[in-house]
Amino acid sequence: KEYLMGEVVVSALRGIDLDIRRGEFLAIIGPSGSGKSTLLNIIGG
């Protein structure tokens, strides 16, 4: 996922591969700017 901020391209996600299993409790951890919310928003449509 890339965003255009003015003339600058910002890469929020840089090639994520991940499976989410049925019935699991999964924690996705990382500092601000690591891409957590972007990943969640794409999974959530």
ModelCIF file with pLDDT and N, C-alpha, C, O atoms, coordinates in Angstrom:
data_MODEL
#
_entry.id   MODEL 
#
_entity.id                         1 
_entity.type                       polymer 
_entity.pdbx_number_of_molecules   1 
#
_entity_poly.entity_id                      1 
_entity_poly.type                           'polypeptide(L)' 
_entity_poly.nstd_linkage                   no 
_entity_poly.nstd_monomer                   no 
_entity_poly.pdbx_seq_one_letter_code       KEYLMGEVVVSALRGIDLDIRRGEFLAIIGPSGSGKSTLLNIIGG 
_entity_poly.pdbx_seq_one_letter_code_can   KEYLMGEVVVSALRGIDLDIRRGEFLAIIGPSGSGKSTLLNIIGG 
_entity_poly.pdbx_strand_id                 A 
#
loop_
_entity_poly_seq.entity_id 
_entity_poly_seq.num 
_entity_poly_seq.mon_id 
_entity_poly_seq.hetero 
1 1  LYS n 
1 2  GLU n 
1 3  TYR n 
1 4  LEU n 
1 5  MET n 
1 6  GLY n 
1 7  GLU n 
1 8  VAL n 
1 9  VAL n 
1 10 VAL n 
1 11 SER n 
1 12 ALA n 
1 13 LEU n 
1 14 ARG n 
1 15 GLY n 
1 16 ILE n 
1 17 ASP n 
1 18 LEU n 
1 19 ASP n 
1 20 ILE n 
1 21 ARG n 
1 22 ARG n 
1 23 GLY n 
1 24 GLU n 
1 25 PHE n 
1 26 LEU n 
1 27 ALA n 
1 28 ILE n 
1 29 ILE n 
1 30 GLY n 
1 31 PRO n 
1 32 SER n 
1 33 GLY n 
1 34 SER n 
1 35 GLY n 
1 36 LYS n 
1 37 SER n 
1 38 THR n 
1 39 LEU n 
1 40 LEU n 
1 41 ASN n 
1 42 ILE n 
1 43 ILE n 
1 44 GLY n 
1 45 GLY n 
#
_struct_asym.id          A 
_struct_asym.entity_id   1 
#
loop_
_ma_qa_metric.id 
_ma_qa_metric.mode 
_ma_qa_metric.name 
_ma_qa_metric.software_group_id 
_ma_qa_metric.type 
1 global pLDDT . pLDDT 
2 local  pLDDT . pLDDT 
#
_ma_qa_metric_global.metric_id      1 
_ma_qa_metric_global.metric_value   95.18 
_ma_qa_metric_global.model_id       1 
_ma_qa_metric_global.ordinal_id     1 
#
loop_
_ma_qa_metric_local.label_asym_id 
_ma_qa_metric_local.label_comp_id 
_ma_qa_metric_local.label_seq_id 
_ma_qa_metric_local.metric_id 
_ma_qa_metric_local.metric_value 
_ma_qa_metric_local.model_id 
_ma_qa_metric_local.ordinal_id 
A LYS 1  2 97.00 1 1  
A GLU 2  2 96.00 1 2  
A TYR 3  2 92.00 1 3  
A LEU 4  2 91.00 1 4  
A MET 5  2 89.00 1 5  
A GLY 6  2 89.00 1 6  
A GLU 7  2 91.00 1 7  
A VAL 8  2 93.00 1 8  
A VAL 9  2 93.00 1 9  
A VAL 10 2 92.00 1 10 
A SER 11 2 95.00 1 11 
A ALA 12 2 96.00 1 12 
A LEU 13 2 97.00 1 13 
A ARG 14 2 97.00 1 14 
A GLY 15 2 97.00 1 15 
A ILE 16 2 97.00 1 16 
A ASP 17 2 97.00 1 17 
A LEU 18 2 97.00 1 18 
A ASP 19 2 97.00 1 19 
A ILE 20 2 97.00 1 20 
A ARG 21 2 97.00 1 21 
A ARG 22 2 96.00 1 22 
A GLY 23 2 97.00 1 23 
A GLU 24 2 97.00 1 24 
A PHE 25 2 98.00 1 25 
A LEU 26 2 98.00 1 26 
A ALA 27 2 98.00 1 27 
A ILE 28 2 98.00 1 28 
A ILE 29 2 97.00 1 29 
A GLY 30 2 95.00 1 30 
A PRO 31 2 93.00 1 31 
A SER 32 2 91.00 1 32 
A GLY 33 2 91.00 1 33 
A SER 34 2 95.00 1 34 
A GLY 35 2 95.00 1 35 
A LYS 36 2 96.00 1 36 
A SER 37 2 94.00 1 37 
A THR 38 2 96.00 1 38 
A LEU 39 2 97.00 1 39 
A LEU 40 2 96.00 1 40 
A ASN 41 2 95.00 1 41 
A ILE 42 2 96.00 1 42 
A ILE 43 2 96.00 1 43 
A GLY 44 2 96.00 1 44 
A GLY 45 2 95.00 1 45 
#
loop_
_atom_site.group_PDB 
_atom_site.id 
_atom_site.type_symbol 
_atom_site.label_atom_id 
_atom_site.label_alt_id 
_atom_site.label_comp_id 
_atom_site.label_asym_id 
_atom_site.label_entity_id 
_atom_site.label_seq_id 
_atom_site.pdbx_PDB_ins_code 
_atom_site.Cartn_x 
_atom_site.Cartn_y 
_atom_site.Cartn_z 
_atom_site.occupancy 
_atom_site.B_iso_or_equiv 
_atom_site.pdbx_formal_charge 
_atom_site.auth_seq_id 
_atom_site.auth_comp_id 
_atom_site.auth_asym_id 
_atom_site.auth_atom_id 
_atom_site.pdbx_PDB_model_num 
ATOM 1   N N  . LYS A 1 1  ? 0.850   -1.184  0.000  1.00 97.00 ? 1  LYS A N  1 
ATOM 2   C CA . LYS A 1 1  ? 0.000   0.000   0.000  1.00 97.00 ? 1  LYS A CA 1 
ATOM 3   C C  . LYS A 1 1  ? 0.886   1.235   0.000  1.00 97.00 ? 1  LYS A C  1 
ATOM 4   O O  . LYS A 1 1  ? 1.744   1.409   0.865  1.00 97.00 ? 1  LYS A O  1 
ATOM 5   N N  . GLU A 1 2  ? 0.656   2.094   -1.001 1.00 96.00 ? 2  GLU A N  1 
ATOM 6   C CA . GLU A 1 2  ? 1.403   3.340   -1.114 1.00 96.00 ? 2  GLU A CA 1 
ATOM 7   C C  . GLU A 1 2  ? 0.437   4.518   -1.136 1.00 96.00 ? 2  GLU A C  1 
ATOM 8   O O  . GLU A 1 2  ? -0.639  4.451   -1.731 1.00 96.00 ? 2  GLU A O  1 
ATOM 9   N N  . TYR A 1 3  ? 0.840   5.584   -0.482 1.00 92.00 ? 3  TYR A N  1 
ATOM 10  C CA . TYR A 1 3  ? 0.061   6.814   -0.465 1.00 92.00 ? 3  TYR A CA 1 
ATOM 11  C C  . TYR A 1 3  ? 0.901   7.922   -1.098 1.00 92.00 ? 3  TYR A C  1 
ATOM 12  O O  . TYR A 1 3  ? 2.120   7.964   -0.938 1.00 92.00 ? 3  TYR A O  1 
ATOM 13  N N  . LEU A 1 4  ? 0.232   8.809   -1.811 1.00 91.00 ? 4  LEU A N  1 
ATOM 14  C CA . LEU A 1 4  ? 0.913   9.961   -2.382 1.00 91.00 ? 4  LEU A CA 1 
ATOM 15  C C  . LEU A 1 4  ? 0.654   11.162  -1.485 1.00 91.00 ? 4  LEU A C  1 
ATOM 16  O O  . LEU A 1 4  ? -0.486  11.601  -1.330 1.00 91.00 ? 4  LEU A O  1 
ATOM 17  N N  . MET A 1 5  ? 1.724   11.688  -0.894 1.00 89.00 ? 5  MET A N  1 
ATOM 18  C CA . MET A 1 5  ? 1.615   12.869  -0.034 1.00 89.00 ? 5  MET A CA 1 
ATOM 19  C C  . MET A 1 5  ? 2.376   13.998  -0.714 1.00 89.00 ? 5  MET A C  1 
ATOM 20  O O  . MET A 1 5  ? 3.596   14.111  -0.598 1.00 89.00 ? 5  MET A O  1 
ATOM 21  N N  . GLY A 1 6  ? 1.621   14.829  -1.426 1.00 89.00 ? 6  GLY A N  1 
ATOM 22  C CA . GLY A 1 6  ? 2.259   15.839  -2.256 1.00 89.00 ? 6  GLY A CA 1 
ATOM 23  C C  . GLY A 1 6  ? 2.948   15.147  -3.418 1.00 89.00 ? 6  GLY A C  1 
ATOM 24  O O  . GLY A 1 6  ? 2.294   14.487  -4.226 1.00 89.00 ? 6  GLY A O  1 
ATOM 25  N N  . GLU A 1 7  ? 4.250   15.290  -3.509 1.00 91.00 ? 7  GLU A N  1 
ATOM 26  C CA . GLU A 1 7  ? 5.000   14.605  -4.559 1.00 91.00 ? 7  GLU A CA 1 
ATOM 27  C C  . GLU A 1 7  ? 5.782   13.421  -4.009 1.00 91.00 ? 7  GLU A C  1 
ATOM 28  O O  . GLU A 1 7  ? 6.580   12.806  -4.715 1.00 91.00 ? 7  GLU A O  1 
ATOM 29  N N  . VAL A 1 8  ? 5.542   13.110  -2.743 1.00 93.00 ? 8  VAL A N  1 
ATOM 30  C CA . VAL A 1 8  ? 6.278   12.028  -2.078 1.00 93.00 ? 8  VAL A CA 1 
ATOM 31  C C  . VAL A 1 8  ? 5.400   10.788  -1.982 1.00 93.00 ? 8  VAL A C  1 
ATOM 32  O O  . VAL A 1 8  ? 4.246   10.868  -1.561 1.00 93.00 ? 8  VAL A O  1 
ATOM 33  N N  . VAL A 1 9  ? 5.954   9.628   -2.379 1.00 93.00 ? 9  VAL A N  1 
ATOM 34  C CA . VAL A 1 9  ? 5.257   8.346   -2.251 1.00 93.00 ? 9  VAL A CA 1 
ATOM 35  C C  . VAL A 1 9  ? 5.649   7.716   -0.912 1.00 93.00 ? 9  VAL A C  1 
ATOM 36  O O  . VAL A 1 9  ? 6.828   7.481   -0.649 1.00 93.00 ? 9  VAL A O  1 
ATOM 37  N N  . VAL A 1 10 ? 4.657   7.449   -0.080 1.00 92.00 ? 10 VAL A N  1 
ATOM 38  C CA . VAL A 1 10 ? 4.882   6.828   1.226  1.00 92.00 ? 10 VAL A CA 1 
ATOM 39  C C  . VAL A 1 10 ? 4.404   5.385   1.162  1.00 92.00 ? 10 VAL A C  1 
ATOM 40  O O  . VAL A 1 10 ? 3.256   5.123   0.801  1.00 92.00 ? 10 VAL A O  1 
ATOM 41  N N  . SER A 1 11 ? 5.278   4.453   1.510  1.00 95.00 ? 11 SER A N  1 
ATOM 42  C CA . SER A 1 11 ? 4.935   3.027   1.497  1.00 95.00 ? 11 SER A CA 1 
ATOM 43  C C  . SER A 1 11 ? 4.504   2.598   2.896  1.00 95.00 ? 11 SER A C  1 
ATOM 44  O O  . SER A 1 11 ? 5.322   2.536   3.814  1.00 95.00 ? 11 SER A O  1 
ATOM 45  N N  . ALA A 1 12 ? 3.204   2.302   3.054  1.00 96.00 ? 12 ALA A N  1 
ATOM 46  C CA . ALA A 1 12 ? 2.690   1.860   4.349  1.00 96.00 ? 12 ALA A CA 1 
ATOM 47  C C  . ALA A 1 12 ? 2.865   0.360   4.533  1.00 96.00 ? 12 ALA A C  1 
ATOM 48  O O  . ALA A 1 12 ? 3.167   -0.106  5.632  1.00 96.00 ? 12 ALA A O  1 
ATOM 49  N N  . LEU A 1 13 ? 2.673   -0.398  3.450  1.00 97.00 ? 13 LEU A N  1 
ATOM 50  C CA . LEU A 1 13 ? 2.877   -1.853  3.469  1.00 97.00 ? 13 LEU A CA 1 
ATOM 51  C C  . LEU A 1 13 ? 3.823   -2.210  2.341  1.00 97.00 ? 13 LEU A C  1 
ATOM 52  O O  . LEU A 1 13 ? 3.688   -1.708  1.225  1.00 97.00 ? 13 LEU A O  1 
ATOM 53  N N  . ARG A 1 14 ? 4.793   -3.087  2.635  1.00 97.00 ? 14 ARG A N  1 
ATOM 54  C CA . ARG A 1 14 ? 5.859   -3.371  1.670  1.00 97.00 ? 14 ARG A CA 1 
ATOM 55  C C  . ARG A 1 14 ? 5.959   -4.863  1.357  1.00 97.00 ? 14 ARG A C  1 
ATOM 56  O O  . ARG A 1 14 ? 7.046   -5.439  1.395  1.00 97.00 ? 14 ARG A O  1 
ATOM 57  N N  . GLY A 1 15 ? 4.838   -5.477  1.052  1.00 97.00 ? 15 GLY A N  1 
ATOM 58  C CA . GLY A 1 15 ? 4.866   -6.888  0.671  1.00 97.00 ? 15 GLY A CA 1 
ATOM 59  C C  . GLY A 1 15 ? 4.562   -7.817  1.835  1.00 97.00 ? 15 GLY A C  1 
ATOM 60  O O  . GLY A 1 15 ? 5.427   -8.577  2.270  1.00 97.00 ? 15 GLY A O  1 
ATOM 61  N N  . ILE A 1 16 ? 3.334   -7.756  2.341  1.00 97.00 ? 16 ILE A N  1 
ATOM 62  C CA . ILE A 1 16 ? 2.918   -8.569  3.492  1.00 97.00 ? 16 ILE A CA 1 
ATOM 63  C C  . ILE A 1 16 ? 2.354   -9.899  3.000  1.00 97.00 ? 16 ILE A C  1 
ATOM 64  O O  . ILE A 1 16 ? 1.492   -9.932  2.122  1.00 97.00 ? 16 ILE A O  1 
ATOM 65  N N  . ASP A 1 17 ? 2.847   -10.991 3.574  1.00 97.00 ? 17 ASP A N  1 
ATOM 66  C CA . ASP A 1 17 ? 2.275   -12.329 3.381  1.00 97.00 ? 17 ASP A CA 1 
ATOM 67  C C  . ASP A 1 17 ? 1.830   -12.828 4.752  1.00 97.00 ? 17 ASP A C  1 
ATOM 68  O O  . ASP A 1 17 ? 2.617   -12.852 5.699  1.00 97.00 ? 17 ASP A O  1 
ATOM 69  N N  . LEU A 1 18 ? 0.549   -13.232 4.850  1.00 97.00 ? 18 LEU A N  1 
ATOM 70  C CA . LEU A 1 18 ? 0.019   -13.613 6.156  1.00 97.00 ? 18 LEU A CA 1 
ATOM 71  C C  . LEU A 1 18 ? -1.251  -14.433 5.995  1.00 97.00 ? 18 LEU A C  1 
ATOM 72  O O  . LEU A 1 18 ? -2.100  -14.118 5.161  1.00 97.00 ? 18 LEU A O  1 
ATOM 73  N N  . ASP A 1 19 ? -1.379  -15.486 6.797  1.00 97.00 ? 19 ASP A N  1 
ATOM 74  C CA . ASP A 1 19 ? -2.636  -16.222 6.907  1.00 97.00 ? 19 ASP A CA 1 
ATOM 75  C C  . ASP A 1 19 ? -3.273  -15.914 8.251  1.00 97.00 ? 19 ASP A C  1 
ATOM 76  O O  . ASP A 1 19 ? -2.580  -15.804 9.263  1.00 97.00 ? 19 ASP A O  1 
ATOM 77  N N  . ILE A 1 20 ? -4.592  -15.774 8.261  1.00 97.00 ? 20 ILE A N  1 
ATOM 78  C CA . ILE A 1 20 ? -5.356  -15.633 9.498  1.00 97.00 ? 20 ILE A CA 1 
ATOM 79  C C  . ILE A 1 20 ? -6.267  -16.838 9.588  1.00 97.00 ? 20 ILE A C  1 
ATOM 80  O O  . ILE A 1 20 ? -7.069  -17.086 8.687  1.00 97.00 ? 20 ILE A O  1 
ATOM 81  N N  . ARG A 1 21 ? -6.147  -17.587 10.670 1.00 97.00 ? 21 ARG A N  1 
ATOM 82  C CA . ARG A 1 21 ? -6.842  -18.868 10.792 1.00 97.00 ? 21 ARG A CA 1 
ATOM 83  C C  . ARG A 1 21 ? -8.199  -18.715 11.462 1.00 97.00 ? 21 ARG A C  1 
ATOM 84  O O  . ARG A 1 21 ? -8.414  -17.826 12.286 1.00 97.00 ? 21 ARG A O  1 
ATOM 85  N N  . ARG A 1 22 ? -9.095  -19.597 11.088 1.00 96.00 ? 22 ARG A N  1 
ATOM 86  C CA . ARG A 1 22 ? -10.434 -19.603 11.693 1.00 96.00 ? 22 ARG A CA 1 
ATOM 87  C C  . ARG A 1 22 ? -10.330 -19.869 13.197 1.00 96.00 ? 22 ARG A C  1 
ATOM 88  O O  . ARG A 1 22 ? -9.656  -20.802 13.635 1.00 96.00 ? 22 ARG A O  1 
ATOM 89  N N  . GLY A 1 23 ? -11.009 -19.029 13.972 1.00 97.00 ? 23 GLY A N  1 
ATOM 90  C CA . GLY A 1 23 ? -11.117 -19.266 15.406 1.00 97.00 ? 23 GLY A CA 1 
ATOM 91  C C  . GLY A 1 23 ? -9.921  -18.862 16.236 1.00 97.00 ? 23 GLY A C  1 
ATOM 92  O O  . GLY A 1 23 ? -9.924  -19.079 17.447 1.00 97.00 ? 23 GLY A O  1 
ATOM 93  N N  . GLU A 1 24 ? -8.892  -18.280 15.629 1.00 97.00 ? 24 GLU A N  1 
ATOM 94  C CA . GLU A 1 24 ? -7.722  -17.926 16.419 1.00 97.00 ? 24 GLU A CA 1 
ATOM 95  C C  . GLU A 1 24 ? -7.843  -16.525 17.003 1.00 97.00 ? 24 GLU A C  1 
ATOM 96  O O  . GLU A 1 24 ? -8.651  -15.709 16.559 1.00 97.00 ? 24 GLU A O  1 
ATOM 97  N N  . PHE A 1 25 ? -7.016  -16.274 18.010 1.00 98.00 ? 25 PHE A N  1 
ATOM 98  C CA . PHE A 1 25 ? -6.834  -14.944 18.587 1.00 98.00 ? 25 PHE A CA 1 
ATOM 99  C C  . PHE A 1 25 ? -5.451  -14.505 18.146 1.00 98.00 ? 25 PHE A C  1 
ATOM 100 O O  . PHE A 1 25 ? -4.443  -15.036 18.611 1.00 98.00 ? 25 PHE A O  1 
ATOM 101 N N  . LEU A 1 26 ? -5.408  -13.534 17.249 1.00 98.00 ? 26 LEU A N  1 
ATOM 102 C CA . LEU A 1 26 ? -4.160  -13.083 16.634 1.00 98.00 ? 26 LEU A CA 1 
ATOM 103 C C  . LEU A 1 26 ? -3.850  -11.665 17.079 1.00 98.00 ? 26 LEU A C  1 
ATOM 104 O O  . LEU A 1 26 ? -4.707  -10.784 17.004 1.00 98.00 ? 26 LEU A O  1 
ATOM 105 N N  . ALA A 1 27 ? -2.631  -11.445 17.539 1.00 98.00 ? 27 ALA A N  1 
ATOM 106 C CA . ALA A 1 27 ? -2.186  -10.094 17.881 1.00 98.00 ? 27 ALA A CA 1 
ATOM 107 C C  . ALA A 1 27 ? -1.218  -9.605  16.804 1.00 98.00 ? 27 ALA A C  1 
ATOM 108 O O  . ALA A 1 27 ? -0.268  -10.303 16.447 1.00 98.00 ? 27 ALA A O  1 
ATOM 109 N N  . ILE A 1 28 ? -1.468  -8.408  16.294 1.00 98.00 ? 28 ILE A N  1 
ATOM 110 C CA . ILE A 1 28 ? -0.559  -7.766  15.346 1.00 98.00 ? 28 ILE A CA 1 
ATOM 111 C C  . ILE A 1 28 ? 0.030   -6.555  16.054 1.00 98.00 ? 28 ILE A C  1 
ATOM 112 O O  . ILE A 1 28 ? -0.675  -5.600  16.381 1.00 98.00 ? 28 ILE A O  1 
ATOM 113 N N  . ILE A 1 29 ? 1.338   -6.616  16.282 1.00 97.00 ? 29 ILE A N  1 
ATOM 114 C CA . ILE A 1 29 ? 2.007   -5.648  17.153 1.00 97.00 ? 29 ILE A CA 1 
ATOM 115 C C  . ILE A 1 29 ? 3.052   -4.867  16.375 1.00 97.00 ? 29 ILE A C  1 
ATOM 116 O O  . ILE A 1 29 ? 3.746   -5.413  15.518 1.00 97.00 ? 29 ILE A O  1 
ATOM 117 N N  . GLY A 1 30 ? 3.152   -3.607  16.681 1.00 95.00 ? 30 GLY A N  1 
ATOM 118 C CA . GLY A 1 30 ? 4.175   -2.781  16.050 1.00 95.00 ? 30 GLY A CA 1 
ATOM 119 C C  . GLY A 1 30 ? 4.023   -1.343  16.471 1.00 95.00 ? 30 GLY A C  1 
ATOM 120 O O  . GLY A 1 30 ? 2.957   -0.950  16.945 1.00 95.00 ? 30 GLY A O  1 
ATOM 121 N N  . PRO A 1 31 ? 5.060   -0.547  16.309 1.00 93.00 ? 31 PRO A N  1 
ATOM 122 C CA . PRO A 1 31 ? 4.987   0.873   16.667 1.00 93.00 ? 31 PRO A CA 1 
ATOM 123 C C  . PRO A 1 31 ? 4.121   1.652   15.689 1.00 93.00 ? 31 PRO A C  1 
ATOM 124 O O  . PRO A 1 31 ? 3.724   1.129   14.648 1.00 93.00 ? 31 PRO A O  1 
ATOM 125 N N  . SER A 1 32 ? 3.833   2.889   16.022 1.00 91.00 ? 32 SER A N  1 
ATOM 126 C CA . SER A 1 32 ? 3.100   3.771   15.103 1.00 91.00 ? 32 SER A CA 1 
ATOM 127 C C  . SER A 1 32 ? 3.867   3.863   13.786 1.00 91.00 ? 32 SER A C  1 
ATOM 128 O O  . SER A 1 32 ? 5.090   3.996   13.776 1.00 91.00 ? 32 SER A O  1 
ATOM 129 N N  . GLY A 1 33 ? 3.131   3.790   12.674 1.00 91.00 ? 33 GLY A N  1 
ATOM 130 C CA . GLY A 1 33 ? 3.763   3.876   11.366 1.00 91.00 ? 33 GLY A CA 1 
ATOM 131 C C  . GLY A 1 33 ? 4.252   2.554   10.814 1.00 91.00 ? 33 GLY A C  1 
ATOM 132 O O  . GLY A 1 33 ? 4.833   2.517   9.729  1.00 91.00 ? 33 GLY A O  1 
ATOM 133 N N  . SER A 1 34 ? 4.027   1.455   11.544 1.00 95.00 ? 34 SER A N  1 
ATOM 134 C CA . SER A 1 34 ? 4.504   0.150   11.064 1.00 95.00 ? 34 SER A CA 1 
ATOM 135 C C  . SER A 1 34 ? 3.571   -0.486  10.044 1.00 95.00 ? 34 SER A C  1 
ATOM 136 O O  . SER A 1 34 ? 3.942   -1.461  9.391  1.00 95.00 ? 34 SER A O  1 
ATOM 137 N N  . GLY A 1 35 ? 2.341   0.063   9.897  1.00 95.00 ? 35 GLY A N  1 
ATOM 138 C CA . GLY A 1 35 ? 1.400   -0.458  8.911  1.00 95.00 ? 35 GLY A CA 1 
ATOM 139 C C  . GLY A 1 35 ? 0.243   -1.240  9.486  1.00 95.00 ? 35 GLY A C  1 
ATOM 140 O O  . GLY A 1 35 ? -0.541  -1.820  8.736  1.00 95.00 ? 35 GLY A O  1 
ATOM 141 N N  . LYS A 1 36 ? 0.115   -1.271  10.818 1.00 96.00 ? 36 LYS A N  1 
ATOM 142 C CA . LYS A 1 36 ? -0.909  -2.086  11.468 1.00 96.00 ? 36 LYS A CA 1 
ATOM 143 C C  . LYS A 1 36 ? -2.324  -1.711  11.029 1.00 96.00 ? 36 LYS A C  1 
ATOM 144 O O  . LYS A 1 36 ? -3.092  -2.557  10.573 1.00 96.00 ? 36 LYS A O  1 
ATOM 145 N N  . SER A 1 37 ? -2.650  -0.431  11.176 1.00 94.00 ? 37 SER A N  1 
ATOM 146 C CA . SER A 1 37 ? -4.013  0.010   10.854 1.00 94.00 ? 37 SER A CA 1 
ATOM 147 C C  . SER A 1 37 ? -4.300  -0.114  9.365  1.00 94.00 ? 37 SER A C  1 
ATOM 148 O O  . SER A 1 37 ? -5.419  -0.446  8.973  1.00 94.00 ? 37 SER A O  1 
ATOM 149 N N  . THR A 1 38 ? -3.303  0.149   8.539  1.00 96.00 ? 38 THR A N  1 
ATOM 150 C CA . THR A 1 38 ? -3.483  0.003   7.089  1.00 96.00 ? 38 THR A CA 1 
ATOM 151 C C  . THR A 1 38 ? -3.823  -1.434  6.737  1.00 96.00 ? 38 THR A C  1 
ATOM 152 O O  . THR A 1 38 ? -4.731  -1.690  5.946  1.00 96.00 ? 38 THR A O  1 
ATOM 153 N N  . LEU A 1 39 ? -3.090  -2.377  7.329  1.00 97.00 ? 39 LEU A N  1 
ATOM 154 C CA . LEU A 1 39 ? -3.357  -3.801  7.094  1.00 97.00 ? 39 LEU A CA 1 
ATOM 155 C C  . LEU A 1 39 ? -4.771  -4.163  7.537  1.00 97.00 ? 39 LEU A C  1 
ATOM 156 O O  . LEU A 1 39 ? -5.495  -4.854  6.821  1.00 97.00 ? 39 LEU A O  1 
ATOM 157 N N  . LEU A 1 40 ? -5.158  -3.694  8.720  1.00 96.00 ? 40 LEU A N  1 
ATOM 158 C CA . LEU A 1 40 ? -6.490  -4.005  9.242  1.00 96.00 ? 40 LEU A CA 1 
ATOM 159 C C  . LEU A 1 40 ? -7.575  -3.424  8.343  1.00 96.00 ? 40 LEU A C  1 
ATOM 160 O O  . LEU A 1 40 ? -8.580  -4.084  8.078  1.00 96.00 ? 40 LEU A O  1 
ATOM 161 N N  . ASN A 1 41 ? -7.381  -2.207  7.878  1.00 95.00 ? 41 ASN A N  1 
ATOM 162 C CA . ASN A 1 41 ? -8.387  -1.556  7.036  1.00 95.00 ? 41 ASN A CA 1 
ATOM 163 C C  . ASN A 1 41 ? -8.551  -2.267  5.691  1.00 95.00 ? 41 ASN A C  1 
ATOM 164 O O  . ASN A 1 41 ? -9.657  -2.329  5.154  1.00 95.00 ? 41 ASN A O  1 
ATOM 165 N N  . ILE A 1 42 ? -7.468  -2.798  5.151  1.00 96.00 ? 42 ILE A N  1 
ATOM 166 C CA . ILE A 1 42 ? -7.568  -3.526  3.877  1.00 96.00 ? 42 ILE A CA 1 
ATOM 167 C C  . ILE A 1 42 ? -8.276  -4.860  4.081  1.00 96.00 ? 42 ILE A C  1 
ATOM 168 O O  . ILE A 1 42 ? -9.121  -5.244  3.272  1.00 96.00 ? 42 ILE A O  1 
ATOM 169 N N  . ILE A 1 43 ? -7.935  -5.571  5.160  1.00 96.00 ? 43 ILE A N  1 
ATOM 170 C CA . ILE A 1 43 ? -8.622  -6.836  5.463  1.00 96.00 ? 43 ILE A CA 1 
ATOM 171 C C  . ILE A 1 43 ? -10.111 -6.586  5.681  1.00 96.00 ? 43 ILE A C  1 
ATOM 172 O O  . ILE A 1 43 ? -10.951 -7.389  5.276  1.00 96.00 ? 43 ILE A O  1 
ATOM 173 N N  . GLY A 1 44 ? -10.429 -5.457  6.328  1.00 96.00 ? 44 GLY A N  1 
ATOM 174 C CA . GLY A 1 44 ? -11.820 -5.147  6.631  1.00 96.00 ? 44 GLY A CA 1 
ATOM 175 C C  . GLY A 1 44 ? -12.600 -4.537  5.484  1.00 96.00 ? 44 GLY A C  1 
ATOM 176 O O  . GLY A 1 44 ? -13.787 -4.247  5.631  1.00 96.00 ? 44 GLY A O  1 
ATOM 177 N N  . GLY A 1 45 ? -11.950 -4.334  4.336  1.00 95.00 ? 45 GLY A N  1 
ATOM 178 C CA . GLY A 1 45 ? -12.657 -3.789  3.184  1.00 95.00 ? 45 GLY A CA 1 
ATOM 179 C C  . GLY A 1 45 ? -12.889 -2.299  3.260  1.00 95.00 ? 45 GLY A C  1 
ATOM 180 O O  . GLY A 1 45 ? -13.477 -1.718  2.348  1.00 95.00 ? 45 GLY A O  1 
#
